[in-house]
Amino acid sequence: MSDSNSRLVYSTDTGRIKEEPAPVARTKGDGVVRIQRQTSGRKGKGVCIITGLDMDDAALTALGAELKKKCGCGGAVKEGTIEIQGDKRDLLKQLLEAKGLKVKLAGG
């Protein structure tokens, strides 16, 4: 009874077997970093979402910390995107272009 949907969950030798998380596959961007303002689901509070960065998690976290410090506001790094609180699109565009990235302001 070999089913492709079955897996071992307990072993008498080692006990409960932990499922290894699958690595998150990110889509490759087109080389353009997009900055978008979003308020939906945030009780009217606006955030700038930066997408299209082709970096690993450590580099994204470091860049997010640097951008938060230079903008003087909070933010987060989630699922390959950087969120910066407030409407700081113009300042973020200048900072990212100074790093040699091609930046577009997306959305309204």
C-alpha atoms as a PDB file:
ATOM      1  CA  MET A   1       0.000   0.000   0.000  1.00  0.00           C
ATOM      2  CA  SER A   2       2.451   2.633  -1.199  1.00  0.00           C
ATOM      3  CA  ASP A   3       0.596   5.906  -1.527  1.00  0.00           C
ATOM      4  CA  SER A   4       2.373   9.042  -2.744  1.00  0.00           C
ATOM      5  CA  ASN A   5       0.406  11.064  -0.187  1.00  0.00           C
ATOM      6  CA  SER A   6       1.545   9.038   2.839  1.00  0.00           C
ATOM      7  CA  ARG A   7       4.511   9.813   5.045  1.00  0.00           C
ATOM      8  CA  LEU A   8       6.064   8.531   8.255  1.00  0.00           C
ATOM      9  CA  VAL A   9       4.934  10.531  11.311  1.00  0.00           C
ATOM     10  CA  TYR A  10       6.215   8.403  14.190  1.00  0.00           C
ATOM     11  CA  SER A  11       9.056   5.982  14.702  1.00  0.00           C
ATOM     12  CA  THR A  12       9.611   3.759  17.735  1.00  0.00           C
ATOM     13  CA  ASP A  13      13.331   4.547  17.506  1.00  0.00           C
ATOM     14  CA  THR A  14      13.252   8.353  17.366  1.00  0.00           C
ATOM     15  CA  GLY A  15       9.689   9.306  18.293  1.00  0.00           C
ATOM     16  CA  ARG A  16       7.758  11.961  16.409  1.00  0.00           C
ATOM     17  CA  ILE A  17       9.255  12.759  13.017  1.00  0.00           C
ATOM     18  CA  LYS A  18       9.311  16.428  12.132  1.00  0.00           C
ATOM     19  CA  GLU A  19       8.333  17.381   8.631  1.00  0.00           C
ATOM     20  CA  GLU A  20      11.032  19.389   6.904  1.00  0.00           C
ATOM     21  CA  PRO A  21       9.711  22.652   5.494  1.00  0.00           C
ATOM     22  CA  ALA A  22       9.942  22.991   1.758  1.00  0.00           C
ATOM     23  CA  PRO A  23      12.107  25.907   0.603  1.00  0.00           C
ATOM     24  CA  VAL A  24      10.053  28.830  -0.619  1.00  0.00           C
ATOM     25  CA  ALA A  25      10.559  29.314  -4.332  1.00  0.00           C
ATOM     26  CA  ARG A  26      10.538  32.964  -5.336  1.00  0.00           C
ATOM     27  CA  THR A  27       9.770  34.039  -8.826  1.00  0.00           C
ATOM     28  CA  LYS A  28      12.582  35.661 -10.740  1.00  0.00           C
ATOM     29  CA  GLY A  29      11.840  39.292 -11.445  1.00  0.00           C
ATOM     30  CA  ASP A  30      12.408  41.275 -14.598  1.00  0.00           C
ATOM     31  CA  GLY A  31      15.197  43.306 -13.001  1.00  0.00           C
ATOM     32  CA  VAL A  32      12.914  46.193 -12.045  1.00  0.00           C
ATOM     33  CA  VAL A  33      12.273  47.042  -8.407  1.00  0.00           C
ATOM     34  CA  ARG A  34       8.703  48.239  -7.873  1.00  0.00           C
ATOM     35  CA  ILE A  35       7.520  50.464  -5.038  1.00  0.00           C
ATOM     36  CA  GLN A  36       3.782  50.328  -4.404  1.00  0.00           C
ATOM     37  CA  ARG A  37       1.626  52.074  -1.795  1.00  0.00           C
ATOM     38  CA  GLN A  38      -0.975  49.857  -0.140  1.00  0.00           C
ATOM     39  CA  THR A  39      -3.631  50.494   2.497  1.00  0.00           C
ATOM     40  CA  SER A  40      -5.960  47.509   2.133  1.00  0.00           C
ATOM     41  CA  GLY A  41      -6.341  45.431   5.283  1.00  0.00           C
ATOM     42  CA  ARG A  42      -4.361  47.928   7.358  1.00  0.00           C
ATOM     43  CA  LYS A  43      -7.194  50.068   8.808  1.00  0.00           C
ATOM     44  CA  GLY A  44      -6.349  52.962   6.481  1.00  0.00           C
ATOM     45  CA  LYS A  45      -2.669  53.058   7.411  1.00  0.00           C
ATOM     46  CA  GLY A  46      -0.492  53.201   4.308  1.00  0.00           C
ATOM     47  CA  VAL A  47       2.671  51.216   3.717  1.00  0.00           C
ATOM     48  CA  CYS A  48       5.113  51.140   0.813  1.00  0.00           C
ATOM     49  CA  ILE A  49       5.768  47.647  -0.496  1.00  0.00           C
ATOM     50  CA  ILE A  50       9.040  47.047  -2.335  1.00  0.00           C
ATOM     51  CA  THR A  51       9.000  44.030  -4.663  1.00  0.00           C
ATOM     52  CA  GLY A  52      11.276  42.653  -7.378  1.00  0.00           C
ATOM     53  CA  LEU A  53      14.451  42.492  -5.289  1.00  0.00           C
ATOM     54  CA  ASP A  54      16.469  39.452  -6.326  1.00  0.00           C
ATOM     55  CA  MET A  55      18.267  38.898  -2.986  1.00  0.00           C
ATOM     56  CA  ASP A  56      18.462  36.204  -0.352  1.00  0.00           C
ATOM     57  CA  ASP A  57      16.733  36.592   3.032  1.00  0.00           C
ATOM     58  CA  ALA A  58      19.799  37.913   4.872  1.00  0.00           C
ATOM     59  CA  ALA A  59      20.438  40.620   2.272  1.00  0.00           C
ATOM     60  CA  LEU A  60      16.740  41.584   2.242  1.00  0.00           C
ATOM     61  CA  THR A  61      16.726  41.915   6.036  1.00  0.00           C
ATOM     62  CA  ALA A  62      19.852  44.090   5.960  1.00  0.00           C
ATOM     63  CA  LEU A  63      18.439  46.305   3.196  1.00  0.00           C
ATOM     64  CA  GLY A  64      15.111  46.574   5.025  1.00  0.00           C
ATOM     65  CA  ALA A  65      16.871  47.680   8.217  1.00  0.00           C
ATOM     66  CA  GLU A  66      18.897  50.275   6.315  1.00  0.00           C
ATOM     67  CA  LEU A  67      15.818  51.680   4.544  1.00  0.00           C
ATOM     68  CA  LYS A  68      13.853  51.863   7.810  1.00  0.00           C
ATOM     69  CA  LYS A  69      16.720  53.721   9.465  1.00  0.00           C
ATOM     70  CA  LYS A  70      17.109  56.241   6.615  1.00  0.00           C
ATOM     71  CA  CYS A  71      13.339  56.831   6.395  1.00  0.00           C
ATOM     72  CA  GLY A  72      12.960  57.104  10.151  1.00  0.00           C
ATOM     73  CA  CYS A  73      10.012  54.726  10.338  1.00  0.00           C
ATOM     74  CA  GLY A  74       9.088  51.107  10.980  1.00  0.00           C
ATOM     75  CA  GLY A  75       8.601  48.247   8.608  1.00  0.00           C
ATOM     76  CA  ALA A  76       9.019  44.523   8.011  1.00  0.00           C
ATOM     77  CA  VAL A  77      10.472  41.974   5.609  1.00  0.00           C
ATOM     78  CA  LYS A  78       7.863  39.402   4.550  1.00  0.00           C
ATOM     79  CA  GLU A  79       8.035  36.700   1.871  1.00  0.00           C
ATOM     80  CA  GLY A  80      10.651  38.394  -0.296  1.00  0.00           C
ATOM     81  CA  THR A  81       9.150  41.877  -0.031  1.00  0.00           C
ATOM     82  CA  ILE A  82      10.048  44.847   2.147  1.00  0.00           C
ATOM     83  CA  GLU A  83       7.278  46.872   3.797  1.00  0.00           C
ATOM     84  CA  ILE A  84       8.015  50.415   4.960  1.00  0.00           C
ATOM     85  CA  GLN A  85       5.397  52.277   7.008  1.00  0.00           C
ATOM     86  CA  GLY A  86       4.067  55.543   5.627  1.00  0.00           C
ATOM     87  CA  ASP A  87       4.104  57.058   2.153  1.00  0.00           C
ATOM     88  CA  LYS A  88       7.847  57.358   1.502  1.00  0.00           C
ATOM     89  CA  ARG A  89       7.891  56.292  -2.160  1.00  0.00           C
ATOM     90  CA  ASP A  90       9.977  59.209  -3.446  1.00  0.00           C
ATOM     91  CA  LEU A  91      12.617  58.850  -0.734  1.00  0.00           C
ATOM     92  CA  LEU A  92      12.748  55.060  -1.206  1.00  0.00           C
ATOM     93  CA  LYS A  93      13.147  55.529  -4.969  1.00  0.00           C
ATOM     94  CA  GLN A  94      16.121  57.859  -4.425  1.00  0.00           C
ATOM     95  CA  LEU A  95      17.768  55.495  -1.927  1.00  0.00           C
ATOM     96  CA  LEU A  96      17.359  52.414  -4.137  1.00  0.00           C
ATOM     97  CA  GLU A  97      18.522  54.219  -7.281  1.00  0.00           C
ATOM     98  CA  ALA A  98      21.635  55.325  -5.380  1.00  0.00           C
ATOM     99  CA  LYS A  99      22.370  51.609  -4.907  1.00  0.00           C
ATOM    100  CA  GLY A 100      22.273  51.137  -8.680  1.00  0.00           C
ATOM    101  CA  LEU A 101      18.847  49.498  -8.924  1.00  0.00           C
ATOM    102  CA  LYS A 102      16.277  50.239 -11.624  1.00  0.00           C
ATOM    103  CA  VAL A 103      13.180  51.496  -9.768  1.00  0.00           C
ATOM    104  CA  LYS A 104       9.564  52.113 -10.836  1.00  0.00           C
ATOM    105  CA  LEU A 105       6.691  53.561  -8.840  1.00  0.00           C
ATOM    106  CA  ALA A 106       3.811  51.126  -9.277  1.00  0.00           C
ATOM    107  CA  GLY A 107       0.131  51.591  -8.559  1.00  0.00           C
ATOM    108  CA  GLY A 108      -1.705  54.792  -7.742  1.00  0.00           C
END
